[in-house]
């Protein structure tokens, strides 16, 4: 695996971890799952994925 590919995988992992943590922070009683998913998707895009 070349260096650029390796760095891309590392960045993708960081974005995924951030999205997971952000999604968990949004989970509260009464919050709709689609709202959480939509916000997580926006966060992933904002982070460059």
C-alpha atoms as a PDB file:
ATOM      1  CA  UNK A   1       0.000   0.000   0.000  1.00  0.00           C
ATOM      2  CA  UNK A   2       1.446   3.369  -0.934  1.00  0.00           C
ATOM      3  CA  UNK A   3       1.699   6.280   1.502  1.00  0.00           C
ATOM      4  CA  UNK A   4      -1.191   8.278   0.009  1.00  0.00           C
ATOM      5  CA  UNK A   5      -3.577   5.336   0.285  1.00  0.00           C
ATOM      6  CA  UNK A   6      -2.481   4.726   3.863  1.00  0.00           C
ATOM      7  CA  UNK A   7      -3.085   8.379   4.780  1.00  0.00           C
ATOM      8  CA  UNK A   8      -6.527   8.264   3.147  1.00  0.00           C
ATOM      9  CA  UNK A   9      -7.446   5.224   5.255  1.00  0.00           C
ATOM     10  CA  UNK A  10      -6.245   6.972   8.402  1.00  0.00           C
ATOM     11  CA  UNK A  11      -8.309  10.057   7.586  1.00  0.00           C
ATOM     12  CA  UNK A  12     -11.377   7.930   6.847  1.00  0.00           C
ATOM     13  CA  UNK A  13     -10.966   6.221  10.211  1.00  0.00           C
ATOM     14  CA  UNK A  14     -10.815   9.562  12.012  1.00  0.00           C
ATOM     15  CA  UNK A  15     -13.930  10.781  10.211  1.00  0.00           C
ATOM     16  CA  UNK A  16     -15.770   7.547  11.034  1.00  0.00           C
ATOM     17  CA  UNK A  17     -14.791   7.718  14.709  1.00  0.00           C
ATOM     18  CA  UNK A  18     -15.922  11.339  14.925  1.00  0.00           C
ATOM     19  CA  UNK A  19     -19.230  10.474  13.246  1.00  0.00           C
ATOM     20  CA  UNK A  20     -19.811   7.606  15.673  1.00  0.00           C
ATOM     21  CA  UNK A  21     -19.094   9.756  18.721  1.00  0.00           C
ATOM     22  CA  UNK A  22     -21.228  12.593  17.399  1.00  0.00           C
ATOM     23  CA  UNK A  23     -24.106  10.232  16.661  1.00  0.00           C
ATOM     24  CA  UNK A  24     -23.983   8.783  20.165  1.00  0.00           C
ATOM     25  CA  UNK A  25     -24.043  12.290  21.631  1.00  0.00           C
ATOM     26  CA  UNK A  26     -27.283  13.014  19.760  1.00  0.00           C
ATOM     27  CA  UNK A  27     -29.125   9.961  21.078  1.00  0.00           C
ATOM     28  CA  UNK A  28     -31.712  11.066  23.616  1.00  0.00           C
ATOM     29  CA  UNK A  29     -35.203   9.841  24.457  1.00  0.00           C
ATOM     30  CA  UNK A  30     -37.682  11.168  21.927  1.00  0.00           C
ATOM     31  CA  UNK A  31     -35.138  12.025  19.225  1.00  0.00           C
ATOM     32  CA  UNK A  32     -36.021  10.510  15.867  1.00  0.00           C
ATOM     33  CA  UNK A  33     -33.438   8.170  14.381  1.00  0.00           C
ATOM     34  CA  UNK A  34     -33.746   9.829  10.968  1.00  0.00           C
ATOM     35  CA  UNK A  35     -32.829  13.189  12.533  1.00  0.00           C
ATOM     36  CA  UNK A  36     -29.730  11.638  14.093  1.00  0.00           C
ATOM     37  CA  UNK A  37     -28.770   9.973  10.803  1.00  0.00           C
ATOM     38  CA  UNK A  38     -29.257  13.213   8.881  1.00  0.00           C
ATOM     39  CA  UNK A  39     -27.095  15.178  11.302  1.00  0.00           C
ATOM     40  CA  UNK A  40     -24.382  12.520  11.282  1.00  0.00           C
ATOM     41  CA  UNK A  41     -24.383  12.513   7.477  1.00  0.00           C
ATOM     42  CA  UNK A  42     -23.971  16.304   7.417  1.00  0.00           C
ATOM     43  CA  UNK A  43     -21.074  16.026   9.879  1.00  0.00           C
ATOM     44  CA  UNK A  44     -19.342  13.404   7.712  1.00  0.00           C
ATOM     45  CA  UNK A  45     -19.645  15.612   4.633  1.00  0.00           C
ATOM     46  CA  UNK A  46     -18.443  18.661   6.582  1.00  0.00           C
ATOM     47  CA  UNK A  47     -15.375  16.679   7.653  1.00  0.00           C
ATOM     48  CA  UNK A  48     -14.402  16.054   4.047  1.00  0.00           C
ATOM     49  CA  UNK A  49     -15.688  12.605   3.214  1.00  0.00           C
END
